[in-house]
N, C-alpha and C. Protein backbone atom coordinates (compact mmCIF):
# COMPACT_ATOMS: atom_id res chain seq x y z
N MET A 1 -7.79 -14.93 10.08
CA MET A 1 -6.47 -15.42 9.75
C MET A 1 -6.28 -15.26 8.25
N VAL A 2 -5.16 -14.70 7.86
CA VAL A 2 -4.88 -14.46 6.45
C VAL A 2 -3.56 -15.11 6.09
N ILE A 3 -3.54 -15.87 5.01
CA ILE A 3 -2.30 -16.48 4.54
C ILE A 3 -1.47 -15.44 3.80
N SER A 4 -2.11 -14.65 2.97
CA SER A 4 -1.40 -13.66 2.17
C SER A 4 -2.27 -12.42 2.06
N MET A 5 -1.65 -11.27 2.03
CA MET A 5 -2.42 -10.05 1.89
C MET A 5 -2.02 -9.32 0.61
N LEU A 6 -1.96 -10.06 -0.48
CA LEU A 6 -1.53 -9.48 -1.75
C LEU A 6 -2.64 -8.70 -2.44
N ASN A 7 -3.89 -8.96 -2.10
CA ASN A 7 -5.00 -8.36 -2.81
C ASN A 7 -5.86 -7.56 -1.84
N TYR A 8 -5.47 -6.33 -1.57
CA TYR A 8 -6.17 -5.51 -0.60
C TYR A 8 -7.51 -4.99 -1.11
N SER A 9 -7.63 -4.67 -2.36
CA SER A 9 -8.77 -3.93 -2.86
C SER A 9 -10.10 -4.63 -2.65
N CYS A 10 -10.16 -5.91 -2.79
CA CYS A 10 -11.43 -6.63 -2.62
C CYS A 10 -11.91 -6.59 -1.18
N ARG A 11 -11.00 -6.61 -0.25
CA ARG A 11 -11.34 -6.55 1.17
C ARG A 11 -11.88 -5.18 1.56
N ASP A 12 -11.39 -4.15 0.87
CA ASP A 12 -11.69 -2.77 1.25
C ASP A 12 -12.94 -2.19 0.60
N GLN A 13 -13.45 -2.83 -0.41
CA GLN A 13 -14.55 -2.26 -1.19
C GLN A 13 -15.87 -2.31 -0.44
N SER A 14 -16.49 -1.15 -0.27
CA SER A 14 -17.82 -1.11 0.34
C SER A 14 -18.91 -1.12 -0.73
N GLU A 15 -18.55 -0.80 -1.94
CA GLU A 15 -19.52 -0.74 -3.04
C GLU A 15 -19.24 -1.84 -4.05
N LEU A 16 -20.29 -2.29 -4.70
CA LEU A 16 -20.17 -3.30 -5.74
C LEU A 16 -21.20 -2.99 -6.81
N ILE A 17 -20.75 -2.92 -8.04
CA ILE A 17 -21.63 -2.57 -9.16
C ILE A 17 -21.87 -3.81 -10.01
N GLY A 18 -23.13 -4.02 -10.38
CA GLY A 18 -23.45 -5.05 -11.35
C GLY A 18 -23.78 -6.42 -10.79
N HIS A 19 -23.89 -6.54 -9.49
CA HIS A 19 -24.18 -7.86 -8.91
C HIS A 19 -25.41 -7.84 -8.01
N ALA A 20 -26.34 -6.95 -8.31
CA ALA A 20 -27.54 -6.81 -7.48
C ALA A 20 -28.35 -8.11 -7.43
N GLU A 21 -28.48 -8.78 -8.56
CA GLU A 21 -29.24 -10.04 -8.58
C GLU A 21 -28.55 -11.12 -7.75
N ALA A 22 -27.24 -11.20 -7.86
CA ALA A 22 -26.49 -12.19 -7.06
C ALA A 22 -26.66 -11.89 -5.57
N GLU A 23 -26.58 -10.60 -5.21
CA GLU A 23 -26.77 -10.24 -3.81
C GLU A 23 -28.17 -10.59 -3.33
N LYS A 24 -29.17 -10.38 -4.17
CA LYS A 24 -30.55 -10.73 -3.79
C LYS A 24 -30.66 -12.23 -3.53
N GLU A 25 -30.04 -13.03 -4.38
CA GLU A 25 -30.06 -14.49 -4.17
C GLU A 25 -29.39 -14.87 -2.86
N LEU A 26 -28.24 -14.24 -2.58
CA LEU A 26 -27.52 -14.55 -1.34
C LEU A 26 -28.34 -14.14 -0.12
N ILE A 27 -28.95 -12.96 -0.17
CA ILE A 27 -29.77 -12.50 0.95
C ILE A 27 -31.00 -13.39 1.11
N HIS A 28 -31.59 -13.80 0.00
CA HIS A 28 -32.75 -14.70 0.05
C HIS A 28 -32.36 -16.01 0.75
N SER A 29 -31.22 -16.57 0.37
CA SER A 29 -30.74 -17.80 1.03
C SER A 29 -30.53 -17.57 2.52
N TRP A 30 -29.91 -16.44 2.87
CA TRP A 30 -29.65 -16.12 4.27
C TRP A 30 -30.96 -15.99 5.05
N ASN A 31 -31.89 -15.21 4.51
CA ASN A 31 -33.17 -14.98 5.20
C ASN A 31 -33.98 -16.26 5.37
N ASN A 32 -33.81 -17.20 4.45
CA ASN A 32 -34.53 -18.47 4.53
C ASN A 32 -33.77 -19.52 5.33
N GLY A 33 -32.61 -19.16 5.86
CA GLY A 33 -31.80 -20.11 6.61
C GLY A 33 -31.25 -21.22 5.75
N ASN A 34 -31.09 -20.94 4.47
CA ASN A 34 -30.64 -21.95 3.51
C ASN A 34 -29.25 -21.57 2.98
N ILE A 35 -28.28 -21.54 3.88
CA ILE A 35 -26.92 -21.19 3.49
C ILE A 35 -26.15 -22.47 3.23
N PRO A 36 -25.76 -22.70 1.96
CA PRO A 36 -24.95 -23.89 1.69
C PRO A 36 -23.57 -23.75 2.33
N ASN A 37 -22.90 -24.87 2.50
CA ASN A 37 -21.57 -24.82 3.13
C ASN A 37 -20.51 -24.31 2.16
N ALA A 38 -20.82 -24.23 0.86
CA ALA A 38 -19.83 -23.73 -0.11
C ALA A 38 -20.53 -23.02 -1.26
N TRP A 39 -19.93 -21.91 -1.67
CA TRP A 39 -20.37 -21.15 -2.83
C TRP A 39 -19.19 -21.07 -3.79
N ILE A 40 -19.48 -21.09 -5.09
CA ILE A 40 -18.45 -20.82 -6.10
C ILE A 40 -18.87 -19.58 -6.85
N PHE A 41 -18.02 -18.56 -6.84
CA PHE A 41 -18.24 -17.34 -7.62
C PHE A 41 -17.29 -17.41 -8.80
N SER A 42 -17.86 -17.55 -9.99
CA SER A 42 -17.06 -17.78 -11.18
C SER A 42 -17.38 -16.74 -12.25
N GLY A 43 -16.37 -16.36 -13.02
CA GLY A 43 -16.55 -15.42 -14.12
C GLY A 43 -15.23 -14.80 -14.50
N PRO A 44 -15.25 -13.93 -15.51
CA PRO A 44 -14.01 -13.30 -15.98
C PRO A 44 -13.32 -12.47 -14.89
N LYS A 45 -12.04 -12.26 -15.05
CA LYS A 45 -11.27 -11.44 -14.11
C LYS A 45 -11.83 -10.02 -14.07
N GLY A 46 -11.82 -9.47 -12.88
CA GLY A 46 -12.15 -8.06 -12.72
C GLY A 46 -13.63 -7.70 -12.65
N ILE A 47 -14.52 -8.69 -12.55
CA ILE A 47 -15.95 -8.35 -12.52
C ILE A 47 -16.51 -8.20 -11.11
N GLY A 48 -15.70 -8.48 -10.09
CA GLY A 48 -16.14 -8.27 -8.72
C GLY A 48 -16.48 -9.53 -7.94
N LYS A 49 -16.01 -10.67 -8.39
CA LYS A 49 -16.32 -11.94 -7.69
C LYS A 49 -15.76 -11.94 -6.27
N ALA A 50 -14.50 -11.58 -6.13
CA ALA A 50 -13.88 -11.56 -4.80
C ALA A 50 -14.51 -10.47 -3.93
N THR A 51 -14.82 -9.33 -4.53
CA THR A 51 -15.49 -8.27 -3.79
C THR A 51 -16.83 -8.76 -3.26
N LEU A 52 -17.58 -9.48 -4.09
CA LEU A 52 -18.85 -10.06 -3.66
C LEU A 52 -18.61 -11.06 -2.52
N GLY A 53 -17.56 -11.85 -2.63
CA GLY A 53 -17.22 -12.80 -1.57
C GLY A 53 -16.94 -12.11 -0.25
N TYR A 54 -16.18 -11.03 -0.30
CA TYR A 54 -15.89 -10.29 0.93
C TYR A 54 -17.13 -9.59 1.47
N ARG A 55 -18.00 -9.11 0.58
CA ARG A 55 -19.26 -8.51 1.03
C ARG A 55 -20.11 -9.56 1.75
N LEU A 56 -20.18 -10.76 1.19
CA LEU A 56 -20.94 -11.83 1.85
C LEU A 56 -20.32 -12.17 3.20
N ALA A 57 -19.01 -12.26 3.25
CA ALA A 57 -18.32 -12.56 4.52
C ALA A 57 -18.62 -11.49 5.56
N ARG A 58 -18.51 -10.22 5.17
CA ARG A 58 -18.79 -9.14 6.12
C ARG A 58 -20.24 -9.21 6.61
N PHE A 59 -21.15 -9.47 5.68
CA PHE A 59 -22.57 -9.55 6.01
C PHE A 59 -22.82 -10.65 7.04
N ILE A 60 -22.26 -11.82 6.81
CA ILE A 60 -22.47 -12.95 7.72
C ILE A 60 -21.81 -12.70 9.07
N LEU A 61 -20.62 -12.11 9.05
CA LEU A 61 -19.86 -11.93 10.30
C LEU A 61 -20.24 -10.66 11.06
N ALA A 62 -20.99 -9.76 10.43
CA ALA A 62 -21.31 -8.48 11.06
C ALA A 62 -22.26 -8.65 12.24
N LYS A 63 -22.11 -7.73 13.16
CA LYS A 63 -23.03 -7.68 14.28
C LYS A 63 -24.28 -6.92 13.82
N GLU A 64 -25.40 -7.17 14.47
CA GLU A 64 -26.67 -6.58 14.02
C GLU A 64 -26.62 -5.07 13.91
N ASN A 65 -25.95 -4.39 14.80
CA ASN A 65 -25.92 -2.94 14.77
C ASN A 65 -25.02 -2.38 13.66
N GLU A 66 -24.37 -3.24 12.90
CA GLU A 66 -23.50 -2.78 11.82
C GLU A 66 -24.22 -2.74 10.47
N TYR A 67 -25.46 -3.18 10.45
CA TYR A 67 -26.27 -3.09 9.24
C TYR A 67 -26.99 -1.74 9.24
N ILE A 68 -27.28 -1.27 8.06
CA ILE A 68 -28.16 -0.12 7.95
C ILE A 68 -29.36 -0.60 7.15
N SER A 69 -30.51 -0.56 7.78
CA SER A 69 -31.68 -1.22 7.21
C SER A 69 -32.16 -0.63 5.89
N ASN A 70 -31.86 0.63 5.61
CA ASN A 70 -32.34 1.20 4.36
C ASN A 70 -31.40 0.91 3.18
N GLN A 71 -30.31 0.22 3.45
CA GLN A 71 -29.39 -0.17 2.37
C GLN A 71 -29.85 -1.49 1.78
N GLU A 72 -29.70 -1.64 0.48
CA GLU A 72 -30.03 -2.91 -0.15
C GLU A 72 -28.76 -3.72 -0.32
N GLY A 73 -28.93 -5.00 -0.42
CA GLY A 73 -27.79 -5.87 -0.67
C GLY A 73 -27.07 -6.26 0.60
N LEU A 74 -25.82 -6.64 0.42
CA LEU A 74 -24.98 -7.16 1.50
C LEU A 74 -24.17 -6.06 2.17
N TRP A 75 -24.71 -4.88 2.22
CA TRP A 75 -23.98 -3.72 2.70
C TRP A 75 -23.76 -3.77 4.20
N VAL A 76 -22.53 -3.51 4.61
CA VAL A 76 -22.16 -3.39 6.02
C VAL A 76 -21.44 -2.06 6.16
N ASP A 77 -21.71 -1.35 7.23
CA ASP A 77 -21.12 -0.04 7.47
C ASP A 77 -19.60 -0.10 7.40
N PRO A 78 -18.97 0.68 6.49
CA PRO A 78 -17.50 0.67 6.38
C PRO A 78 -16.79 1.15 7.65
N ASN A 79 -17.51 1.83 8.54
CA ASN A 79 -16.91 2.28 9.79
C ASN A 79 -17.08 1.26 10.91
N SER A 80 -17.73 0.15 10.61
CA SER A 80 -17.96 -0.87 11.64
C SER A 80 -16.67 -1.64 11.94
N SER A 81 -16.64 -2.23 13.11
CA SER A 81 -15.45 -3.00 13.49
C SER A 81 -15.28 -4.23 12.60
N THR A 82 -16.39 -4.86 12.19
CA THR A 82 -16.29 -6.03 11.31
C THR A 82 -15.66 -5.65 9.98
N PHE A 83 -16.14 -4.57 9.38
CA PHE A 83 -15.60 -4.13 8.09
C PHE A 83 -14.10 -3.83 8.22
N LYS A 84 -13.75 -3.08 9.25
CA LYS A 84 -12.34 -2.69 9.43
C LYS A 84 -11.44 -3.89 9.69
N ARG A 85 -11.91 -4.84 10.48
CA ARG A 85 -11.07 -6.01 10.79
C ARG A 85 -10.91 -6.92 9.58
N ILE A 86 -11.96 -7.08 8.79
CA ILE A 86 -11.83 -7.87 7.56
C ILE A 86 -10.91 -7.16 6.59
N SER A 87 -11.05 -5.85 6.49
CA SER A 87 -10.20 -5.06 5.61
C SER A 87 -8.73 -5.19 5.99
N ALA A 88 -8.47 -5.23 7.28
CA ALA A 88 -7.09 -5.33 7.77
C ALA A 88 -6.58 -6.77 7.78
N GLY A 89 -7.48 -7.72 7.52
CA GLY A 89 -7.08 -9.13 7.55
C GLY A 89 -6.91 -9.68 8.95
N THR A 90 -7.62 -9.08 9.92
CA THR A 90 -7.44 -9.48 11.31
C THR A 90 -8.69 -10.05 11.96
N HIS A 91 -9.73 -10.30 11.19
CA HIS A 91 -10.95 -10.87 11.78
C HIS A 91 -10.70 -12.34 12.07
N SER A 92 -10.92 -12.75 13.30
CA SER A 92 -10.56 -14.11 13.72
C SER A 92 -11.46 -15.19 13.12
N ASP A 93 -12.60 -14.81 12.56
CA ASP A 93 -13.52 -15.80 11.99
C ASP A 93 -13.48 -15.85 10.47
N LEU A 94 -12.48 -15.21 9.88
CA LEU A 94 -12.30 -15.23 8.43
C LEU A 94 -10.91 -15.74 8.10
N PHE A 95 -10.86 -16.74 7.24
CA PHE A 95 -9.60 -17.31 6.77
C PHE A 95 -9.55 -17.10 5.26
N THR A 96 -8.52 -16.42 4.80
CA THR A 96 -8.38 -16.15 3.37
C THR A 96 -7.21 -16.94 2.82
N LEU A 97 -7.46 -17.62 1.74
CA LEU A 97 -6.43 -18.42 1.08
C LEU A 97 -6.28 -17.92 -0.35
N GLU A 98 -5.08 -17.51 -0.71
CA GLU A 98 -4.78 -17.04 -2.06
C GLU A 98 -3.33 -17.37 -2.37
N LEU A 99 -2.89 -17.00 -3.54
CA LEU A 99 -1.49 -17.27 -3.91
C LEU A 99 -0.55 -16.65 -2.88
N THR A 100 0.48 -17.38 -2.51
CA THR A 100 1.46 -16.90 -1.54
C THR A 100 2.83 -16.81 -2.19
N GLU A 101 3.74 -16.20 -1.48
CA GLU A 101 5.12 -16.11 -1.95
C GLU A 101 5.90 -17.32 -1.47
N ASN A 102 6.88 -17.73 -2.27
CA ASN A 102 7.75 -18.83 -1.85
C ASN A 102 8.85 -18.28 -0.95
N GLU A 103 9.80 -19.14 -0.60
CA GLU A 103 10.88 -18.76 0.32
C GLU A 103 11.74 -17.61 -0.22
N GLN A 104 11.79 -17.46 -1.54
CA GLN A 104 12.58 -16.39 -2.15
C GLN A 104 11.78 -15.10 -2.34
N GLY A 105 10.54 -15.09 -1.88
CA GLY A 105 9.71 -13.91 -2.00
C GLY A 105 9.05 -13.76 -3.37
N ILE A 106 9.05 -14.82 -4.15
CA ILE A 106 8.44 -14.79 -5.48
C ILE A 106 7.04 -15.39 -5.38
N LEU A 107 6.07 -14.73 -6.01
CA LEU A 107 4.70 -15.22 -5.98
C LEU A 107 4.60 -16.57 -6.66
N ARG A 108 4.04 -17.53 -5.95
CA ARG A 108 3.84 -18.87 -6.53
C ARG A 108 2.82 -18.80 -7.65
N ASN A 109 2.84 -19.80 -8.52
CA ASN A 109 1.84 -19.86 -9.58
C ASN A 109 0.73 -20.84 -9.25
N GLU A 110 0.73 -21.37 -8.03
CA GLU A 110 -0.32 -22.28 -7.59
C GLU A 110 -0.46 -22.21 -6.08
N ILE A 111 -1.63 -22.61 -5.61
CA ILE A 111 -1.87 -22.74 -4.17
C ILE A 111 -1.54 -24.18 -3.82
N VAL A 112 -0.67 -24.35 -2.84
CA VAL A 112 -0.14 -25.68 -2.52
C VAL A 112 -0.82 -26.27 -1.28
N ILE A 113 -0.62 -27.56 -1.10
CA ILE A 113 -1.30 -28.28 -0.02
C ILE A 113 -0.95 -27.74 1.37
N ASN A 114 0.27 -27.27 1.57
CA ASN A 114 0.62 -26.72 2.88
C ASN A 114 -0.22 -25.49 3.22
N ASP A 115 -0.59 -24.72 2.20
CA ASP A 115 -1.49 -23.59 2.44
C ASP A 115 -2.85 -24.08 2.91
N VAL A 116 -3.38 -25.10 2.24
CA VAL A 116 -4.70 -25.64 2.59
C VAL A 116 -4.66 -26.30 3.97
N ARG A 117 -3.56 -26.92 4.32
CA ARG A 117 -3.45 -27.58 5.63
C ARG A 117 -3.58 -26.59 6.78
N ARG A 118 -3.31 -25.34 6.53
CA ARG A 118 -3.46 -24.32 7.59
C ARG A 118 -4.92 -24.14 7.99
N LEU A 119 -5.81 -24.63 7.14
CA LEU A 119 -7.24 -24.59 7.48
C LEU A 119 -7.57 -25.47 8.68
N ASN A 120 -6.79 -26.53 8.89
CA ASN A 120 -7.08 -27.48 9.97
C ASN A 120 -7.27 -26.77 11.30
N ARG A 121 -6.33 -25.95 11.66
CA ARG A 121 -6.39 -25.26 12.95
C ARG A 121 -7.57 -24.28 12.98
N PHE A 122 -7.70 -23.49 11.93
CA PHE A 122 -8.78 -22.51 11.87
C PHE A 122 -10.15 -23.18 12.06
N LEU A 123 -10.38 -24.26 11.35
CA LEU A 123 -11.69 -24.92 11.41
C LEU A 123 -11.90 -25.69 12.71
N SER A 124 -10.81 -26.02 13.41
CA SER A 124 -10.96 -26.75 14.67
C SER A 124 -11.29 -25.82 15.84
N LEU A 125 -11.04 -24.54 15.68
CA LEU A 125 -11.32 -23.58 16.74
C LEU A 125 -12.78 -23.14 16.70
N THR A 126 -13.32 -22.73 17.84
CA THR A 126 -14.67 -22.18 17.84
C THR A 126 -14.60 -20.74 17.34
N SER A 127 -15.73 -20.25 16.88
CA SER A 127 -15.79 -18.87 16.40
C SER A 127 -15.43 -17.92 17.52
N GLY A 128 -14.73 -16.86 17.18
CA GLY A 128 -14.28 -15.93 18.19
C GLY A 128 -15.13 -14.68 18.31
N GLU A 129 -15.46 -14.07 17.18
CA GLU A 129 -16.16 -12.79 17.19
C GLU A 129 -17.61 -12.89 16.76
N SER A 130 -17.96 -13.92 16.09
CA SER A 130 -19.34 -14.11 15.63
C SER A 130 -19.67 -15.59 15.82
N SER A 131 -20.82 -16.00 15.36
CA SER A 131 -21.16 -17.42 15.48
C SER A 131 -20.82 -18.20 14.22
N TRP A 132 -20.25 -17.52 13.22
CA TRP A 132 -19.91 -18.14 11.93
C TRP A 132 -18.42 -18.13 11.69
N LYS A 133 -17.98 -19.00 10.78
CA LYS A 133 -16.60 -19.00 10.28
C LYS A 133 -16.68 -18.99 8.76
N ILE A 134 -15.87 -18.16 8.14
CA ILE A 134 -15.87 -18.02 6.68
C ILE A 134 -14.47 -18.31 6.16
N VAL A 135 -14.41 -19.07 5.06
CA VAL A 135 -13.15 -19.33 4.36
C VAL A 135 -13.33 -18.81 2.93
N ILE A 136 -12.47 -17.89 2.52
CA ILE A 136 -12.48 -17.40 1.14
C ILE A 136 -11.24 -17.92 0.44
N ILE A 137 -11.44 -18.63 -0.67
CA ILE A 137 -10.33 -19.07 -1.51
C ILE A 137 -10.38 -18.22 -2.76
N ASP A 138 -9.55 -17.19 -2.78
CA ASP A 138 -9.52 -16.25 -3.91
C ASP A 138 -8.48 -16.74 -4.90
N GLY A 139 -8.96 -17.32 -5.98
CA GLY A 139 -8.09 -17.93 -6.97
C GLY A 139 -8.14 -19.44 -6.84
N ALA A 140 -9.34 -19.98 -6.64
CA ALA A 140 -9.49 -21.43 -6.46
C ALA A 140 -8.96 -22.20 -7.66
N ASP A 141 -8.94 -21.57 -8.82
CA ASP A 141 -8.42 -22.23 -10.02
C ASP A 141 -6.90 -22.41 -9.97
N PHE A 142 -6.24 -21.80 -8.97
CA PHE A 142 -4.80 -21.96 -8.80
C PHE A 142 -4.44 -23.09 -7.83
N LEU A 143 -5.44 -23.75 -7.26
CA LEU A 143 -5.17 -24.89 -6.37
C LEU A 143 -4.53 -26.01 -7.18
N ASN A 144 -3.39 -26.54 -6.71
CA ASN A 144 -2.87 -27.72 -7.40
C ASN A 144 -3.73 -28.91 -6.97
N SER A 145 -3.55 -30.05 -7.61
CA SER A 145 -4.47 -31.17 -7.38
C SER A 145 -4.43 -31.66 -5.93
N SER A 146 -3.26 -31.69 -5.31
CA SER A 146 -3.18 -32.11 -3.90
C SER A 146 -3.91 -31.13 -3.00
N ALA A 147 -3.72 -29.85 -3.25
CA ALA A 147 -4.38 -28.82 -2.45
C ALA A 147 -5.89 -28.87 -2.63
N GLU A 148 -6.34 -29.07 -3.87
CA GLU A 148 -7.78 -29.12 -4.11
C GLU A 148 -8.42 -30.34 -3.46
N ASN A 149 -7.74 -31.46 -3.50
CA ASN A 149 -8.27 -32.66 -2.83
C ASN A 149 -8.34 -32.48 -1.32
N ALA A 150 -7.34 -31.82 -0.75
CA ALA A 150 -7.36 -31.53 0.69
C ALA A 150 -8.50 -30.57 1.02
N LEU A 151 -8.70 -29.58 0.16
CA LEU A 151 -9.80 -28.63 0.35
C LEU A 151 -11.15 -29.34 0.27
N LEU A 152 -11.28 -30.24 -0.67
CA LEU A 152 -12.53 -31.00 -0.83
C LEU A 152 -12.91 -31.71 0.46
N LYS A 153 -11.92 -32.28 1.13
CA LYS A 153 -12.18 -32.97 2.39
C LYS A 153 -12.78 -32.00 3.41
N HIS A 154 -12.23 -30.78 3.46
CA HIS A 154 -12.77 -29.77 4.37
C HIS A 154 -14.19 -29.39 3.99
N ILE A 155 -14.44 -29.22 2.71
CA ILE A 155 -15.79 -28.84 2.26
C ILE A 155 -16.79 -29.94 2.58
N GLU A 156 -16.39 -31.18 2.38
CA GLU A 156 -17.29 -32.30 2.65
C GLU A 156 -17.56 -32.47 4.14
N GLU A 157 -16.66 -32.01 4.98
CA GLU A 157 -16.80 -32.15 6.43
C GLU A 157 -16.84 -30.78 7.10
N THR A 158 -17.56 -29.85 6.48
CA THR A 158 -17.62 -28.49 6.98
C THR A 158 -18.25 -28.44 8.37
N PRO A 159 -17.58 -27.78 9.32
CA PRO A 159 -18.18 -27.62 10.64
C PRO A 159 -19.46 -26.78 10.56
N TYR A 160 -20.31 -26.94 11.55
CA TYR A 160 -21.55 -26.18 11.65
C TYR A 160 -21.26 -24.69 11.60
N LYS A 161 -22.09 -23.95 10.89
CA LYS A 161 -21.98 -22.50 10.73
C LYS A 161 -20.64 -22.09 10.14
N SER A 162 -20.20 -22.82 9.15
CA SER A 162 -18.99 -22.47 8.40
C SER A 162 -19.35 -22.43 6.93
N VAL A 163 -18.76 -21.47 6.22
CA VAL A 163 -19.04 -21.29 4.80
C VAL A 163 -17.73 -21.13 4.05
N PHE A 164 -17.62 -21.84 2.93
CA PHE A 164 -16.50 -21.70 2.01
C PHE A 164 -16.96 -20.88 0.82
N ILE A 165 -16.16 -19.90 0.43
CA ILE A 165 -16.43 -19.10 -0.77
C ILE A 165 -15.24 -19.29 -1.69
N LEU A 166 -15.48 -19.95 -2.82
CA LEU A 166 -14.42 -20.20 -3.80
C LEU A 166 -14.59 -19.20 -4.94
N VAL A 167 -13.55 -18.45 -5.22
CA VAL A 167 -13.56 -17.46 -6.30
C VAL A 167 -12.66 -17.99 -7.40
N THR A 168 -13.20 -18.07 -8.62
CA THR A 168 -12.42 -18.62 -9.73
C THR A 168 -12.70 -17.89 -11.03
N HIS A 169 -11.65 -17.77 -11.83
CA HIS A 169 -11.79 -17.21 -13.18
C HIS A 169 -12.06 -18.31 -14.19
N SER A 170 -11.75 -19.54 -13.82
CA SER A 170 -11.87 -20.68 -14.74
C SER A 170 -12.53 -21.85 -14.02
N LEU A 171 -13.83 -21.89 -14.07
CA LEU A 171 -14.58 -22.94 -13.39
C LEU A 171 -14.16 -24.32 -13.87
N ASP A 172 -13.82 -24.43 -15.15
CA ASP A 172 -13.44 -25.73 -15.70
C ASP A 172 -12.11 -26.24 -15.18
N LYS A 173 -11.33 -25.39 -14.50
CA LYS A 173 -10.06 -25.85 -13.91
C LYS A 173 -10.27 -26.54 -12.56
N LEU A 174 -11.47 -26.40 -12.00
CA LEU A 174 -11.77 -27.08 -10.74
C LEU A 174 -12.21 -28.50 -11.03
N LEU A 175 -11.90 -29.40 -10.11
CA LEU A 175 -12.33 -30.79 -10.26
C LEU A 175 -13.85 -30.87 -10.30
N PRO A 176 -14.40 -31.80 -11.05
CA PRO A 176 -15.85 -31.96 -11.08
C PRO A 176 -16.45 -32.17 -9.69
N THR A 177 -15.74 -32.87 -8.82
CA THR A 177 -16.25 -33.08 -7.46
C THR A 177 -16.31 -31.78 -6.67
N THR A 178 -15.37 -30.88 -6.91
CA THR A 178 -15.40 -29.57 -6.25
C THR A 178 -16.60 -28.78 -6.77
N ARG A 179 -16.79 -28.78 -8.06
CA ARG A 179 -17.91 -28.02 -8.65
C ARG A 179 -19.26 -28.55 -8.17
N SER A 180 -19.35 -29.83 -7.90
CA SER A 180 -20.64 -30.41 -7.50
C SER A 180 -20.97 -30.19 -6.03
N ARG A 181 -20.01 -29.80 -5.24
CA ARG A 181 -20.25 -29.62 -3.81
C ARG A 181 -20.96 -28.31 -3.58
């Protein structure tokens, strides 16, 4: 389920440069069965945080035959159904939250509580295509205070086998309670 499809490039990228150590940490957590319910990917704009988030989502949601064992990192075959469905924004176990347009078609400058409330239905459903559910908040620093507090409730009560990935350019704009989760 996708709220907005304004940022296609991160969904489509099969390659990621400069995040090998981060990928190793993520794979290590996965292999050890130590997947936290929420990750925050923070850093300057344009360094690949959202791309890393989508790579992690594809990796978790991919079927076993979509991996290629000689590849390192979170690589999933770009020709696989998981990759294509995430790229198209149609994977039923992925919910993406980012800036949306208002009624006049103008891009909002914040993510509002009504956007976050759409998570209720997604999180209440069972997984459809995999055993996991992933929520990517691309631009978590754009959450207004009501939206962030509503999101916090979801993070604190994350359903089994669900992961939140928060992507932010300004970690200090997130509430301390969000950062600590």
